[in-house]
Amino acid sequence: MPRNKIQFQKGLSLTAFFAEYGKEEQCRDQFFIWRWPKGFECPNCGCKEHCILKTRELYQCNHCHHQTSLTTGTIMEATKLPFTVWFLAMYLMTQTKNGISALELSRQLGISYNASWRLKH
């Protein structure tokens, strides 16, 4: 009988997770790569040239001046939680064999039950 490859794949330890995603900037950089693997592309006109409005954390197209944030159009849109909390929540939800309850997630992350419930759903 063949071995289940998903069940026996190498996991990510908590120390390795924090080394890779422990800071807000690390999480933002990784999310940028996941969101735009070929670099930023304007959702309005498709232009790749952009500037960053650091005061509002927006990306602005140099061609049509359309502004978009890193989280626009994702499950993280309109959230007030930092990227580090989102990444840690994803880590905790995927590393347990039987899942994690919203109550336990709220305890682990130090956020409200309602916020942790929304993260899970």
Protein backbone atom coordinates (compact mmCIF):
# COMPACT_ATOMS: atom_id res chain seq x y z
CA MET A 1 0.00 0.00 0.00
CA PRO A 2 1.52 3.38 -1.00
CA ARG A 3 2.34 5.92 1.64
CA ASN A 4 0.24 9.09 1.89
CA LYS A 5 2.67 11.81 0.75
CA ILE A 6 0.63 14.68 2.18
CA GLN A 7 0.46 13.14 5.64
CA PHE A 8 4.22 12.58 5.76
CA GLN A 9 5.44 15.80 4.17
CA LYS A 10 8.02 17.81 6.05
CA GLY A 11 6.42 20.39 8.32
CA LEU A 12 7.59 23.82 9.37
CA SER A 13 8.69 24.14 12.98
CA LEU A 14 7.51 27.07 15.05
CA THR A 15 11.05 28.46 15.32
CA ALA A 16 11.51 28.21 11.55
CA PHE A 17 8.14 29.91 11.06
CA PHE A 18 9.11 32.84 13.29
CA ALA A 19 12.51 33.11 11.61
CA GLU A 20 10.82 33.39 8.21
CA TYR A 21 7.60 35.27 9.06
CA GLY A 22 8.19 36.76 12.52
CA LYS A 23 8.23 40.41 11.46
CA GLU A 24 5.57 42.47 9.72
CA GLU A 25 7.93 43.44 6.91
CA GLN A 26 8.81 39.80 6.19
CA CYS A 27 5.12 38.89 5.96
CA ARG A 28 4.36 41.86 3.69
CA ASP A 29 7.26 40.99 1.36
CA GLN A 30 6.14 37.36 1.12
CA PHE A 31 2.51 38.31 0.56
CA PHE A 32 3.62 40.69 -2.23
CA ILE A 33 5.41 37.78 -3.93
CA TRP A 34 2.35 35.53 -3.58
CA ARG A 35 0.00 38.26 -4.80
CA TRP A 36 2.10 39.44 -7.76
CA PRO A 37 4.63 36.68 -8.63
CA LYS A 38 5.83 38.56 -11.73
CA GLY A 39 5.97 41.91 -9.92
CA PHE A 40 3.27 44.52 -9.44
CA GLU A 41 0.73 44.81 -12.23
CA CYS A 42 -1.99 47.47 -12.21
CA PRO A 43 -5.43 45.82 -11.96
CA ASN A 44 -6.87 48.69 -14.01
CA CYS A 45 -4.54 48.97 -17.03
CA GLY A 46 -1.96 46.17 -16.60
CA CYS A 47 1.04 48.53 -16.42
CA LYS A 48 3.97 47.27 -14.34
CA GLU A 49 5.45 50.65 -13.43
CA HIS A 50 4.34 51.88 -10.02
CA CYS A 51 5.27 53.94 -7.02
CA ILE A 52 4.52 53.28 -3.37
CA LEU A 53 2.61 55.77 -1.25
CA LYS A 54 4.22 54.89 2.08
CA THR A 55 1.98 57.08 4.23
CA ARG A 56 -1.10 55.11 3.16
CA GLU A 57 0.58 51.81 2.17
CA LEU A 58 -0.79 51.97 -1.37
CA TYR A 59 0.66 51.05 -4.74
CA GLN A 60 -0.04 53.63 -7.44
CA CYS A 61 0.20 52.95 -11.16
CA ASN A 62 2.47 55.43 -12.96
CA HIS A 63 0.31 55.23 -16.09
CA CYS A 64 -3.33 55.55 -14.97
CA HIS A 65 -2.71 56.58 -11.31
CA HIS A 66 -4.97 53.79 -10.02
CA GLN A 67 -4.27 53.08 -6.35
CA THR A 68 -4.48 49.64 -4.78
CA SER A 69 -3.34 48.12 -1.53
CA LEU A 70 -1.63 44.81 -0.97
CA THR A 71 -4.79 43.32 0.53
CA THR A 72 -7.37 44.66 -1.95
CA GLY A 73 -9.36 41.79 -3.45
CA THR A 74 -8.09 39.22 -0.94
CA ILE A 75 -9.53 37.70 2.22
CA MET A 76 -7.45 40.23 4.15
CA GLU A 77 -9.22 43.22 2.60
CA ALA A 78 -10.47 45.81 5.14
CA THR A 79 -8.80 44.00 8.03
CA LYS A 80 -7.19 45.75 10.96
CA LEU A 81 -5.12 42.75 11.98
CA PRO A 82 -1.41 42.86 11.16
CA PHE A 83 0.07 40.44 8.64
CA THR A 84 1.96 38.64 11.40
CA VAL A 85 -1.34 37.68 13.06
CA TRP A 86 -2.78 36.47 9.74
CA PHE A 87 0.31 34.40 8.97
CA LEU A 88 0.43 32.89 12.46
CA ALA A 89 -3.29 32.05 12.24
CA MET A 90 -2.71 30.29 8.90
CA TYR A 91 0.21 28.41 10.41
CA LEU A 92 -1.77 27.29 13.47
CA MET A 93 -4.78 26.24 11.39
CA THR A 94 -2.70 24.15 9.00
CA GLN A 95 -0.28 22.51 11.43
CA THR A 96 -2.76 20.70 13.64
CA LYS A 97 -4.11 17.36 12.52
CA ASN A 98 -7.65 17.92 13.83
CA GLY A 99 -7.85 21.68 13.30
CA ILE A 100 -8.07 24.39 15.92
CA SER A 101 -11.18 25.95 17.42
CA ALA A 102 -11.90 29.65 17.13
CA LEU A 103 -11.69 29.91 20.92
CA GLU A 104 -8.24 28.33 21.03
CA LEU A 105 -7.14 30.48 18.08
CA SER A 106 -8.27 33.62 19.93
CA ARG A 107 -6.27 32.54 22.99
CA GLN A 108 -3.15 31.75 20.97
CA LEU A 109 -3.25 34.99 18.95
CA GLY A 110 -4.46 37.30 21.70
CA ILE A 111 -7.42 38.55 19.67
CA SER A 112 -11.16 38.52 20.27
CA TYR A 113 -13.26 35.43 19.66
CA ASN A 114 -15.20 37.22 16.89
CA ALA A 115 -11.99 38.12 15.07
CA SER A 116 -10.67 34.56 15.32
CA TRP A 117 -14.01 33.16 14.15
CA ARG A 118 -13.87 35.43 11.07
CA LEU A 119 -10.31 34.28 10.39
CA LYS A 120 -11.49 30.68 10.29
CA HIS A 121 -14.54 31.30 8.12
